[in-house]
């Protein structure tokens, strides 16, 4: 279950980052079954699913974002 969440979030994030390279912020919608999974971005707790997470521009971070 966590693997599916990780794969879905990573795929969505890659699409957002690819299309938002010049944008100020990006949003990623994260869902899970069952609901209530914790969403961490680069080690920082952001929310519980379902949620839309706002992340800074891809140009602000030298490494890829990590969702766990």
PDB file of N, CA and C in Angstrom:
ATOM      1  N   UNK A   1       0.827  -1.182   0.000  1.00  0.00           N
ATOM      2  CA  UNK A   1       0.000   0.000   0.000  1.00  0.00           C
ATOM      3  C   UNK A   1       0.877   1.252   0.000  1.00  0.00           C
ATOM      4  N   UNK A   2       1.867   1.289   0.861  1.00  0.00           N
ATOM      5  CA  UNK A   2       2.767   2.445   0.903  1.00  0.00           C
ATOM      6  C   UNK A   2       3.528   2.567  -0.407  1.00  0.00           C
ATOM      7  N   UNK A   3       3.874   1.420  -1.001  1.00  0.00           N
ATOM      8  CA  UNK A   3       4.579   1.447  -2.278  1.00  0.00           C
ATOM      9  C   UNK A   3       3.720   2.096  -3.353  1.00  0.00           C
ATOM     10  N   UNK A   4       2.435   1.777  -3.377  1.00  0.00           N
ATOM     11  CA  UNK A   4       1.536   2.392  -4.367  1.00  0.00           C
ATOM     12  C   UNK A   4       1.467   3.895  -4.164  1.00  0.00           C
ATOM     13  N   UNK A   5       1.373   4.327  -2.902  1.00  0.00           N
ATOM     14  CA  UNK A   5       1.336   5.757  -2.598  1.00  0.00           C
ATOM     15  C   UNK A   5       2.617   6.426  -3.050  1.00  0.00           C
ATOM     16  N   UNK A   6       3.744   5.800  -2.782  1.00  0.00           N
ATOM     17  CA  UNK A   6       5.032   6.361  -3.168  1.00  0.00           C
ATOM     18  C   UNK A   6       5.150   6.468  -4.681  1.00  0.00           C
ATOM     19  N   UNK A   7       4.750   5.428  -5.387  1.00  0.00           N
ATOM     20  CA  UNK A   7       4.828   5.431  -6.853  1.00  0.00           C
ATOM     21  C   UNK A   7       3.895   6.490  -7.432  1.00  0.00           C
ATOM     22  N   UNK A   8       2.664   6.563  -6.917  1.00  0.00           N
ATOM     23  CA  UNK A   8       1.703   7.541  -7.422  1.00  0.00           C
ATOM     24  C   UNK A   8       2.184   8.961  -7.149  1.00  0.00           C
ATOM     25  N   UNK A   9       2.669   9.195  -5.944  1.00  0.00           N
ATOM     26  CA  UNK A   9       3.132  10.540  -5.595  1.00  0.00           C
ATOM     27  C   UNK A   9       4.367  10.920  -6.403  1.00  0.00           C
ATOM     28  N   UNK A  10       5.285   9.978  -6.580  1.00  0.00           N
ATOM     29  CA  UNK A  10       6.495  10.254  -7.341  1.00  0.00           C
ATOM     30  C   UNK A  10       6.159  10.558  -8.801  1.00  0.00           C
ATOM     31  N   UNK A  11       5.248   9.770  -9.376  1.00  0.00           N
ATOM     32  CA  UNK A  11       4.846  10.002 -10.766  1.00  0.00           C
ATOM     33  C   UNK A  11       4.191  11.368 -10.925  1.00  0.00           C
ATOM     34  N   UNK A  12       3.280  11.688 -10.011  1.00  0.00           N
ATOM     35  CA  UNK A  12       2.610  12.987 -10.078  1.00  0.00           C
ATOM     36  C   UNK A  12       3.611  14.112  -9.897  1.00  0.00           C
ATOM     37  N   UNK A  13       4.529  13.923  -8.978  1.00  0.00           N
ATOM     38  CA  UNK A  13       5.523  14.962  -8.713  1.00  0.00           C
ATOM     39  C   UNK A  13       6.417  15.193  -9.921  1.00  0.00           C
ATOM     40  N   UNK A  14       6.839  14.135 -10.578  1.00  0.00           N
ATOM     41  CA  UNK A  14       7.686  14.290 -11.757  1.00  0.00           C
ATOM     42  C   UNK A  14       6.962  15.060 -12.859  1.00  0.00           C
ATOM     43  N   UNK A  15       5.672  14.779 -13.031  1.00  0.00           N
ATOM     44  CA  UNK A  15       4.896  15.508 -14.036  1.00  0.00           C
ATOM     45  C   UNK A  15       4.766  16.979 -13.660  1.00  0.00           C
ATOM     46  N   UNK A  16       4.514  17.246 -12.395  1.00  0.00           N
ATOM     47  CA  UNK A  16       4.380  18.630 -11.952  1.00  0.00           C
ATOM     48  C   UNK A  16       5.693  19.371 -12.113  1.00  0.00           C
ATOM     49  N   UNK A  17       6.778  18.758 -11.684  1.00  0.00           N
ATOM     50  CA  UNK A  17       8.072  19.428 -11.763  1.00  0.00           C
ATOM     51  C   UNK A  17       8.507  19.663 -13.200  1.00  0.00           C
ATOM     52  N   UNK A  18       8.188  18.716 -14.065  1.00  0.00           N
ATOM     53  CA  UNK A  18       8.559  18.880 -15.469  1.00  0.00           C
ATOM     54  C   UNK A  18       7.793  20.037 -16.107  1.00  0.00           C
ATOM     55  N   UNK A  19       6.533  20.201 -15.722  1.00  0.00           N
ATOM     56  CA  UNK A  19       5.729  21.259 -16.324  1.00  0.00           C
ATOM     57  C   UNK A  19       5.836  22.580 -15.575  1.00  0.00           C
ATOM     58  N   UNK A  20       6.387  22.577 -14.373  1.00  0.00           N
ATOM     59  CA  UNK A  20       6.420  23.788 -13.559  1.00  0.00           C
ATOM     60  C   UNK A  20       7.832  24.292 -13.305  1.00  0.00           C
ATOM     61  N   UNK A  21       8.742  23.973 -14.177  1.00  0.00           N
ATOM     62  CA  UNK A  21      10.135  24.355 -13.949  1.00  0.00           C
ATOM     63  C   UNK A  21      10.302  25.862 -13.831  1.00  0.00           C
ATOM     64  N   UNK A  22       9.471  26.622 -14.519  1.00  0.00           N
ATOM     65  CA  UNK A  22       9.585  28.078 -14.464  1.00  0.00           C
ATOM     66  C   UNK A  22       8.591  28.709 -13.496  1.00  0.00           C
ATOM     67  N   UNK A  23       7.749  27.896 -12.870  1.00  0.00           N
ATOM     68  CA  UNK A  23       6.723  28.422 -11.973  1.00  0.00           C
ATOM     69  C   UNK A  23       7.286  28.702 -10.585  1.00  0.00           C
ATOM     70  N   UNK A  24       6.562  29.533  -9.834  1.00  0.00           N
ATOM     71  CA  UNK A  24       6.978  29.846  -8.473  1.00  0.00           C
ATOM     72  C   UNK A  24       6.700  28.683  -7.529  1.00  0.00           C
ATOM     73  N   UNK A  25       5.505  28.127  -7.563  1.00  0.00           N
ATOM     74  CA  UNK A  25       5.109  27.019  -6.703  1.00  0.00           C
ATOM     75  C   UNK A  25       4.437  25.942  -7.532  1.00  0.00           C
ATOM     76  N   UNK A  26       4.354  24.756  -6.959  1.00  0.00           N
ATOM     77  CA  UNK A  26       3.658  23.649  -7.601  1.00  0.00           C
ATOM     78  C   UNK A  26       2.765  22.994  -6.560  1.00  0.00           C
ATOM     79  N   UNK A  27       1.683  22.371  -7.016  1.00  0.00           N
ATOM     80  CA  UNK A  27       0.813  21.631  -6.116  1.00  0.00           C
ATOM     81  C   UNK A  27       0.742  20.186  -6.575  1.00  0.00           C
ATOM     82  N   UNK A  28       0.653  19.290  -5.605  1.00  0.00           N
ATOM     83  CA  UNK A  28       0.544  17.868  -5.895  1.00  0.00           C
ATOM     84  C   UNK A  28      -0.616  17.320  -5.078  1.00  0.00           C
ATOM     85  N   UNK A  29      -1.568  16.685  -5.740  1.00  0.00           N
ATOM     86  CA  UNK A  29      -2.680  16.043  -5.054  1.00  0.00           C
ATOM     87  C   UNK A  29      -2.254  14.624  -4.691  1.00  0.00           C
ATOM     88  N   UNK A  30      -2.391  14.274  -3.426  1.00  0.00           N
ATOM     89  CA  UNK A  30      -1.966  12.958  -2.943  1.00  0.00           C
ATOM     90  C   UNK A  30      -3.158  12.266  -2.306  1.00  0.00           C
ATOM     91  N   UNK A  31      -3.428  11.041  -2.745  1.00  0.00           N
ATOM     92  CA  UNK A  31      -4.493  10.228  -2.167  1.00  0.00           C
ATOM     93  C   UNK A  31      -3.932   8.881  -1.773  1.00  0.00           C
ATOM     94  N   UNK A  32      -4.647   8.181  -0.906  1.00  0.00           N
ATOM     95  CA  UNK A  32      -4.249   6.831  -0.522  1.00  0.00           C
ATOM     96  C   UNK A  32      -5.490   6.055  -0.112  1.00  0.00           C
ATOM     97  N   UNK A  33      -5.363   4.765  -0.105  1.00  0.00           N
ATOM     98  CA  UNK A  33      -6.436   3.881   0.365  1.00  0.00           C
ATOM     99  C   UNK A  33      -5.821   2.927   1.359  1.00  0.00           C
ATOM    100  N   UNK A  34      -6.161   2.967   2.635  1.00  0.00           N
ATOM    101  CA  UNK A  34      -7.153   3.864   3.225  1.00  0.00           C
ATOM    102  C   UNK A  34      -6.618   5.277   3.363  1.00  0.00           C
ATOM    103  N   UNK A  35      -7.529   6.215   3.578  1.00  0.00           N
ATOM    104  CA  UNK A  35      -7.151   7.603   3.779  1.00  0.00           C
ATOM    105  C   UNK A  35      -6.425   7.773   5.104  1.00  0.00           C
ATOM    106  N   UNK A  36      -5.743   8.876   5.253  1.00  0.00           N
ATOM    107  CA  UNK A  36      -5.085   9.178   6.519  1.00  0.00           C
ATOM    108  C   UNK A  36      -3.593   8.930   6.534  1.00  0.00           C
ATOM    109  N   UNK A  37      -3.007   8.545   5.400  1.00  0.00           N
ATOM    110  CA  UNK A  37      -1.556   8.327   5.352  1.00  0.00           C
ATOM    111  C   UNK A  37      -0.836   9.663   5.527  1.00  0.00           C
ATOM    112  N   UNK A  38       0.261   9.645   6.243  1.00  0.00           N
ATOM    113  CA  UNK A  38       1.039  10.864   6.453  1.00  0.00           C
ATOM    114  C   UNK A  38       1.825  11.183   5.188  1.00  0.00           C
ATOM    115  N   UNK A  39       1.887  12.471   4.843  1.00  0.00           N
ATOM    116  CA  UNK A  39       2.637  12.925   3.671  1.00  0.00           C
ATOM    117  C   UNK A  39       3.849  13.711   4.171  1.00  0.00           C
ATOM    118  N   UNK A  40       5.029  13.240   3.805  1.00  0.00           N
ATOM    119  CA  UNK A  40       6.272  13.941   4.125  1.00  0.00           C
ATOM    120  C   UNK A  40       6.927  14.366   2.820  1.00  0.00           C
ATOM    121  N   UNK A  41       7.416  15.577   2.762  1.00  0.00           N
ATOM    122  CA  UNK A  41       8.158  16.061   1.606  1.00  0.00           C
ATOM    123  C   UNK A  41       9.541  16.462   2.099  1.00  0.00           C
ATOM    124  N   UNK A  42      10.552  15.776   1.577  1.00  0.00           N
ATOM    125  CA  UNK A  42      11.939  16.004   1.994  1.00  0.00           C
ATOM    126  C   UNK A  42      12.095  15.921   3.509  1.00  0.00           C
ATOM    127  N   UNK A  43      11.388  14.965   4.112  1.00  0.00           N
ATOM    128  CA  UNK A  43      11.515  14.726   5.546  1.00  0.00           C
ATOM    129  C   UNK A  43      10.629  15.587   6.423  1.00  0.00           C
ATOM    130  N   UNK A  44       9.857  16.503   5.863  1.00  0.00           N
ATOM    131  CA  UNK A  44       8.990  17.385   6.640  1.00  0.00           C
ATOM    132  C   UNK A  44       7.534  16.971   6.470  1.00  0.00           C
ATOM    133  N   UNK A  45       6.836  16.785   7.604  1.00  0.00           N
ATOM    134  CA  UNK A  45       5.423  16.427   7.561  1.00  0.00           C
ATOM    135  C   UNK A  45       4.629  17.579   6.953  1.00  0.00           C
ATOM    136  N   UNK A  46       3.774  17.249   5.975  1.00  0.00           N
ATOM    137  CA  UNK A  46       2.966  18.271   5.308  1.00  0.00           C
ATOM    138  C   UNK A  46       1.476  18.121   5.594  1.00  0.00           C
ATOM    139  N   UNK A  47       0.957  16.883   5.584  1.00  0.00           N
ATOM    140  CA  UNK A  47      -0.482  16.676   5.745  1.00  0.00           C
ATOM    141  C   UNK A  47      -0.772  15.183   5.824  1.00  0.00           C
ATOM    142  N   UNK A  48      -2.036  14.868   5.924  1.00  0.00           N
ATOM    143  CA  UNK A  48      -2.520  13.494   5.811  1.00  0.00           C
ATOM    144  C   UNK A  48      -3.416  13.418   4.577  1.00  0.00           C
ATOM    145  N   UNK A  49      -3.431  12.255   3.945  1.00  0.00           N
ATOM    146  CA  UNK A  49      -4.233  12.081   2.740  1.00  0.00           C
ATOM    147  C   UNK A  49      -5.711  12.015   3.081  1.00  0.00           C
ATOM    148  N   UNK A  50      -6.562  12.446   2.160  1.00  0.00           N
ATOM    149  CA  UNK A  50      -6.243  13.103   0.894  1.00  0.00           C
ATOM    150  C   UNK A  50      -5.872  14.570   1.128  1.00  0.00           C
ATOM    151  N   UNK A  51      -4.964  15.070   0.343  1.00  0.00           N
ATOM    152  CA  UNK A  51      -4.530  16.458   0.507  1.00  0.00           C
ATOM    153  C   UNK A  51      -3.875  16.950  -0.775  1.00  0.00           C
ATOM    154  N   UNK A  52      -3.852  18.261  -0.903  1.00  0.00           N
ATOM    155  CA  UNK A  52      -3.101  18.911  -1.965  1.00  0.00           C
ATOM    156  C   UNK A  52      -1.929  19.610  -1.292  1.00  0.00           C
ATOM    157  N   UNK A  53      -0.728  19.243  -1.686  1.00  0.00           N
ATOM    158  CA  UNK A  53       0.480  19.755  -1.056  1.00  0.00           C
ATOM    159  C   UNK A  53       1.112  20.798  -1.966  1.00  0.00           C
ATOM    160  N   UNK A  54       1.416  21.955  -1.411  1.00  0.00           N
ATOM    161  CA  UNK A  54       2.083  23.022  -2.153  1.00  0.00           C
ATOM    162  C   UNK A  54       3.575  22.914  -1.876  1.00  0.00           C
ATOM    163  N   UNK A  55       4.354  22.871  -2.949  1.00  0.00           N
ATOM    164  CA  UNK A  55       5.804  22.800  -2.809  1.00  0.00           C
ATOM    165  C   UNK A  55       6.429  23.962  -3.580  1.00  0.00           C
ATOM    166  N   UNK A  56       7.610  24.353  -3.176  1.00  0.00           N
ATOM    167  CA  UNK A  56       8.299  25.452  -3.834  1.00  0.00           C
ATOM    168  C   UNK A  56       8.730  25.076  -5.236  1.00  0.00           C
ATOM    169  N   UNK A  57       9.212  26.043  -5.951  1.00  0.00           N
ATOM    170  CA  UNK A  57       9.674  25.846  -7.312  1.00  0.00           C
ATOM    171  C   UNK A  57      10.776  24.792  -7.373  1.00  0.00           C
ATOM    172  N   UNK A  58      10.804  24.042  -8.436  1.00  0.00           N
ATOM    173  CA  UNK A  58      11.827  23.015  -8.622  1.00  0.00           C
ATOM    174  C   UNK A  58      13.219  23.629  -8.700  1.00  0.00           C
ATOM    175  N   UNK A  59      13.294  24.879  -9.063  1.00  0.00           N
ATOM    176  CA  UNK A  59      14.603  25.519  -9.197  1.00  0.00           C
ATOM    177  C   UNK A  59      15.220  25.875  -7.844  1.00  0.00           C
ATOM    178  N   UNK A  60      14.416  25.828  -6.757  1.00  0.00           N
ATOM    179  CA  UNK A  60      14.925  26.163  -5.433  1.00  0.00           C
ATOM    180  C   UNK A  60      15.685  25.010  -4.784  1.00  0.00           C
ATOM    181  N   UNK A  61      15.505  23.803  -5.277  1.00  0.00           N
ATOM    182  CA  UNK A  61      16.089  22.616  -4.659  1.00  0.00           C
ATOM    183  C   UNK A  61      17.035  21.959  -5.649  1.00  0.00           C
ATOM    184  N   UNK A  62      18.244  21.658  -5.196  1.00  0.00           N
ATOM    185  CA  UNK A  62      19.239  21.060  -6.085  1.00  0.00           C
ATOM    186  C   UNK A  62      19.026  19.572  -6.285  1.00  0.00           C
ATOM    187  N   UNK A  63      18.227  18.926  -5.438  1.00  0.00           N
ATOM    188  CA  UNK A  63      17.955  17.502  -5.578  1.00  0.00           C
ATOM    189  C   UNK A  63      16.456  17.299  -5.739  1.00  0.00           C
ATOM    190  N   UNK A  64      16.026  16.149  -6.244  1.00  0.00           N
ATOM    191  CA  UNK A  64      14.593  15.909  -6.418  1.00  0.00           C
ATOM    192  C   UNK A  64      13.867  15.882  -5.068  1.00  0.00           C
ATOM    193  N   UNK A  65      12.575  16.228  -5.088  1.00  0.00           N
ATOM    194  CA  UNK A  65      11.752  16.093  -3.904  1.00  0.00           C
ATOM    195  C   UNK A  65      11.538  14.617  -3.620  1.00  0.00           C
ATOM    196  N   UNK A  66      11.430  14.254  -2.353  1.00  0.00           N
ATOM    197  CA  UNK A  66      11.175  12.880  -1.960  1.00  0.00           C
ATOM    198  C   UNK A  66       9.883  12.827  -1.163  1.00  0.00           C
ATOM    199  N   UNK A  67       8.929  12.033  -1.631  1.00  0.00           N
ATOM    200  CA  UNK A  67       7.685  11.812  -0.902  1.00  0.00           C
ATOM    201  C   UNK A  67       7.775  10.471  -0.204  1.00  0.00           C
ATOM    202  N   UNK A  68       7.447  10.425   1.071  1.00  0.00           N
ATOM    203  CA  UNK A  68       7.410   9.158   1.810  1.00  0.00           C
ATOM    204  C   UNK A  68       6.149   9.080   2.619  1.00  0.00           C
TER     205      UNK A  68
END
